[in-house]
Amino acid sequence: MDVHDETDLDRVAAIELEANVTTGFRWEAQLNDDSPLRVLGAEYLHEPAGMLGASGIQRVYVCGAGRGSGELTLRYK
């Protein structure tokens, strides 16, 4: 899946991806070496709250750290 988006410097973008931590898998974010993007972190949200084994959302936070274009690769592993 290719997604093209623009972000301002220091503006945080949240990418939401379906996930299920009970499977042992999670989304990993990777940037190319010269990318002007920066991955700030990630969090997992259970949906619906309190239901063990149910899938949820993994939210990955990214921001622009410089001018130019870069590639963010997300792998579920």
N, C-alpha and C. Protein backbone atom coordinates (compact mmCIF):
# COMPACT_ATOMS: atom_id res chain seq x y z
N MET A 1 0.84 -1.16 0.00
CA MET A 1 0.00 0.00 0.00
C MET A 1 0.90 1.24 0.00
N ASP A 2 0.69 2.11 -0.95
CA ASP A 2 1.42 3.37 -1.01
C ASP A 2 0.50 4.50 -0.60
N VAL A 3 0.97 5.32 0.33
CA VAL A 3 0.22 6.48 0.77
C VAL A 3 1.14 7.69 0.66
N HIS A 4 0.67 8.72 0.04
CA HIS A 4 1.46 9.94 -0.10
C HIS A 4 0.77 11.02 0.71
N ASP A 5 1.51 11.63 1.60
CA ASP A 5 0.95 12.67 2.46
C ASP A 5 2.04 13.69 2.73
N GLU A 6 1.63 14.88 3.07
CA GLU A 6 2.57 15.94 3.42
C GLU A 6 2.37 16.31 4.87
N THR A 7 3.46 16.66 5.54
CA THR A 7 3.38 17.12 6.91
C THR A 7 4.30 18.30 7.10
N ASP A 8 3.93 19.20 7.97
CA ASP A 8 4.76 20.35 8.29
C ASP A 8 5.84 19.93 9.27
N LEU A 9 6.92 20.70 9.31
CA LEU A 9 7.98 20.42 10.28
C LEU A 9 7.40 20.46 11.69
N ASP A 10 7.78 19.50 12.49
CA ASP A 10 7.38 19.38 13.90
C ASP A 10 5.89 19.14 14.12
N ARG A 11 5.11 18.92 13.07
CA ARG A 11 3.70 18.55 13.24
C ARG A 11 3.63 17.04 13.35
N VAL A 12 2.94 16.56 14.36
CA VAL A 12 2.86 15.12 14.61
C VAL A 12 1.67 14.54 13.85
N ALA A 13 1.93 13.43 13.15
CA ALA A 13 0.89 12.68 12.45
C ALA A 13 0.74 11.34 13.15
N ALA A 14 -0.50 10.91 13.36
CA ALA A 14 -0.79 9.61 13.98
C ALA A 14 -1.32 8.67 12.90
N ILE A 15 -0.67 7.54 12.73
CA ILE A 15 -1.08 6.52 11.77
C ILE A 15 -1.72 5.39 12.56
N GLU A 16 -2.97 5.06 12.27
CA GLU A 16 -3.68 4.01 13.00
C GLU A 16 -3.78 2.75 12.15
N LEU A 17 -3.37 1.63 12.74
CA LEU A 17 -3.34 0.34 12.05
C LEU A 17 -4.01 -0.72 12.90
N GLU A 18 -4.79 -1.59 12.27
CA GLU A 18 -5.40 -2.69 13.00
C GLU A 18 -4.31 -3.64 13.48
N ALA A 19 -4.46 -4.13 14.70
CA ALA A 19 -3.45 -5.03 15.28
C ALA A 19 -4.10 -5.87 16.37
N ASN A 20 -3.39 -6.90 16.80
CA ASN A 20 -3.85 -7.73 17.91
C ASN A 20 -2.61 -8.21 18.66
N VAL A 21 -2.33 -7.60 19.80
CA VAL A 21 -1.11 -7.93 20.55
C VAL A 21 -1.11 -9.35 21.10
N THR A 22 -2.28 -9.96 21.23
CA THR A 22 -2.32 -11.33 21.77
C THR A 22 -1.73 -12.34 20.81
N THR A 23 -1.53 -11.98 19.54
CA THR A 23 -0.91 -12.88 18.56
C THR A 23 0.60 -12.86 18.64
N GLY A 24 1.16 -11.88 19.36
CA GLY A 24 2.61 -11.73 19.42
C GLY A 24 3.16 -10.86 18.31
N PHE A 25 2.31 -10.43 17.40
CA PHE A 25 2.73 -9.56 16.30
C PHE A 25 2.49 -8.10 16.67
N ARG A 26 3.28 -7.22 16.05
CA ARG A 26 3.08 -5.78 16.22
C ARG A 26 3.63 -5.08 14.99
N TRP A 27 3.23 -3.83 14.80
CA TRP A 27 3.73 -3.05 13.67
C TRP A 27 5.09 -2.46 14.01
N GLU A 28 6.04 -2.59 13.09
CA GLU A 28 7.36 -1.98 13.25
C GLU A 28 7.53 -0.93 12.17
N ALA A 29 7.97 0.25 12.57
CA ALA A 29 8.18 1.36 11.64
C ALA A 29 9.66 1.49 11.33
N GLN A 30 9.99 1.61 10.05
CA GLN A 30 11.38 1.79 9.61
C GLN A 30 11.44 2.95 8.63
N LEU A 31 12.49 3.75 8.75
CA LEU A 31 12.72 4.88 7.85
C LEU A 31 14.00 4.64 7.06
N ASN A 32 14.05 5.17 5.83
CA ASN A 32 15.32 5.10 5.11
C ASN A 32 16.32 6.05 5.77
N ASP A 33 17.61 5.83 5.56
CA ASP A 33 18.66 6.55 6.29
C ASP A 33 18.61 8.06 6.15
N ASP A 34 18.24 8.57 5.00
CA ASP A 34 18.25 10.02 4.78
C ASP A 34 16.86 10.65 4.91
N SER A 35 15.96 9.97 5.57
CA SER A 35 14.58 10.44 5.69
C SER A 35 14.48 11.69 6.58
N PRO A 36 13.69 12.67 6.16
CA PRO A 36 13.45 13.84 6.99
C PRO A 36 12.33 13.59 8.01
N LEU A 37 11.87 12.36 8.11
CA LEU A 37 10.84 12.00 9.07
C LEU A 37 11.47 11.44 10.34
N ARG A 38 10.71 11.48 11.42
CA ARG A 38 11.17 10.90 12.69
C ARG A 38 9.99 10.15 13.31
N VAL A 39 10.22 8.91 13.71
CA VAL A 39 9.21 8.13 14.41
C VAL A 39 9.33 8.47 15.89
N LEU A 40 8.25 8.96 16.47
CA LEU A 40 8.26 9.37 17.87
C LEU A 40 7.91 8.25 18.83
N GLY A 41 7.16 7.27 18.35
CA GLY A 41 6.76 6.17 19.21
C GLY A 41 5.46 5.55 18.75
N ALA A 42 4.95 4.64 19.57
CA ALA A 42 3.71 3.94 19.23
C ALA A 42 2.99 3.56 20.51
N GLU A 43 1.68 3.31 20.36
CA GLU A 43 0.88 2.82 21.48
C GLU A 43 -0.17 1.86 20.95
N TYR A 44 -0.65 0.99 21.83
CA TYR A 44 -1.68 0.03 21.46
C TYR A 44 -2.95 0.35 22.23
N LEU A 45 -4.08 0.39 21.52
CA LEU A 45 -5.37 0.67 22.14
C LEU A 45 -6.28 -0.55 21.97
N HIS A 46 -6.75 -1.12 23.08
CA HIS A 46 -7.67 -2.25 23.03
C HIS A 46 -9.05 -1.74 22.62
N GLU A 47 -9.68 -2.42 21.68
CA GLU A 47 -11.04 -2.07 21.28
C GLU A 47 -11.86 -3.33 21.14
N PRO A 48 -12.94 -3.50 21.80
CA PRO A 48 -13.44 -2.64 22.88
C PRO A 48 -12.63 -2.86 24.15
N ALA A 49 -12.59 -1.85 24.96
CA ALA A 49 -11.78 -1.88 26.19
C ALA A 49 -12.20 -3.06 27.08
N GLY A 50 -11.20 -3.76 27.60
CA GLY A 50 -11.46 -4.83 28.55
C GLY A 50 -11.73 -6.20 27.96
N MET A 51 -11.84 -6.35 26.64
CA MET A 51 -12.10 -7.66 26.04
C MET A 51 -10.78 -8.33 25.69
N LEU A 52 -10.38 -9.30 26.49
CA LEU A 52 -9.12 -9.99 26.26
C LEU A 52 -9.16 -10.77 24.95
N GLY A 53 -8.08 -10.68 24.17
CA GLY A 53 -7.97 -11.40 22.92
C GLY A 53 -8.57 -10.67 21.73
N ALA A 54 -9.28 -9.59 21.98
CA ALA A 54 -9.89 -8.83 20.88
C ALA A 54 -8.83 -7.97 20.20
N SER A 55 -9.06 -7.71 18.92
CA SER A 55 -8.11 -6.86 18.20
C SER A 55 -8.27 -5.42 18.63
N GLY A 56 -7.33 -4.60 18.24
CA GLY A 56 -7.35 -3.19 18.60
C GLY A 56 -6.66 -2.36 17.54
N ILE A 57 -6.15 -1.24 17.97
CA ILE A 57 -5.48 -0.30 17.08
C ILE A 57 -4.08 -0.02 17.60
N GLN A 58 -3.08 -0.10 16.73
CA GLN A 58 -1.75 0.37 17.08
C GLN A 58 -1.57 1.72 16.41
N ARG A 59 -1.24 2.70 17.19
CA ARG A 59 -1.07 4.06 16.68
C ARG A 59 0.43 4.38 16.66
N VAL A 60 0.95 4.76 15.49
CA VAL A 60 2.35 5.11 15.30
C VAL A 60 2.42 6.62 15.09
N TYR A 61 3.28 7.30 15.85
CA TYR A 61 3.41 8.75 15.76
C TYR A 61 4.68 9.12 14.98
N VAL A 62 4.51 9.99 13.98
CA VAL A 62 5.59 10.41 13.09
C VAL A 62 5.54 11.92 12.97
N CYS A 63 6.72 12.56 12.82
CA CYS A 63 6.74 14.00 12.56
C CYS A 63 7.83 14.33 11.55
N GLY A 64 7.68 15.49 10.92
CA GLY A 64 8.69 15.98 10.00
C GLY A 64 9.84 16.61 10.78
N ALA A 65 11.06 16.19 10.50
CA ALA A 65 12.22 16.71 11.21
C ALA A 65 13.14 17.51 10.29
N GLY A 66 12.79 17.59 9.02
CA GLY A 66 13.59 18.32 8.05
C GLY A 66 12.85 18.41 6.73
N ARG A 67 13.41 19.13 5.79
CA ARG A 67 12.78 19.29 4.48
C ARG A 67 13.15 18.12 3.57
N GLY A 68 12.25 17.79 2.65
CA GLY A 68 12.51 16.74 1.69
C GLY A 68 11.44 15.68 1.74
N SER A 69 11.72 14.56 1.11
CA SER A 69 10.76 13.45 1.12
C SER A 69 11.46 12.21 1.67
N GLY A 70 10.68 11.34 2.24
CA GLY A 70 11.23 10.13 2.81
C GLY A 70 10.24 9.00 2.70
N GLU A 71 10.68 7.82 3.03
CA GLU A 71 9.84 6.63 2.95
C GLU A 71 9.75 5.99 4.32
N LEU A 72 8.51 5.77 4.76
CA LEU A 72 8.23 5.08 6.01
C LEU A 72 7.68 3.71 5.66
N THR A 73 8.33 2.67 6.15
CA THR A 73 7.88 1.29 5.91
C THR A 73 7.31 0.75 7.21
N LEU A 74 6.09 0.18 7.13
CA LEU A 74 5.44 -0.42 8.29
C LEU A 74 5.28 -1.91 8.02
N ARG A 75 5.82 -2.73 8.92
CA ARG A 75 5.74 -4.20 8.77
C ARG A 75 5.06 -4.79 10.01
N TYR A 76 4.16 -5.71 9.76
CA TYR A 76 3.48 -6.42 10.85
C TYR A 76 4.22 -7.71 11.08
N LYS A 77 4.98 -7.77 12.18
CA LYS A 77 5.75 -8.99 12.46
C LYS A 77 5.92 -9.21 13.93
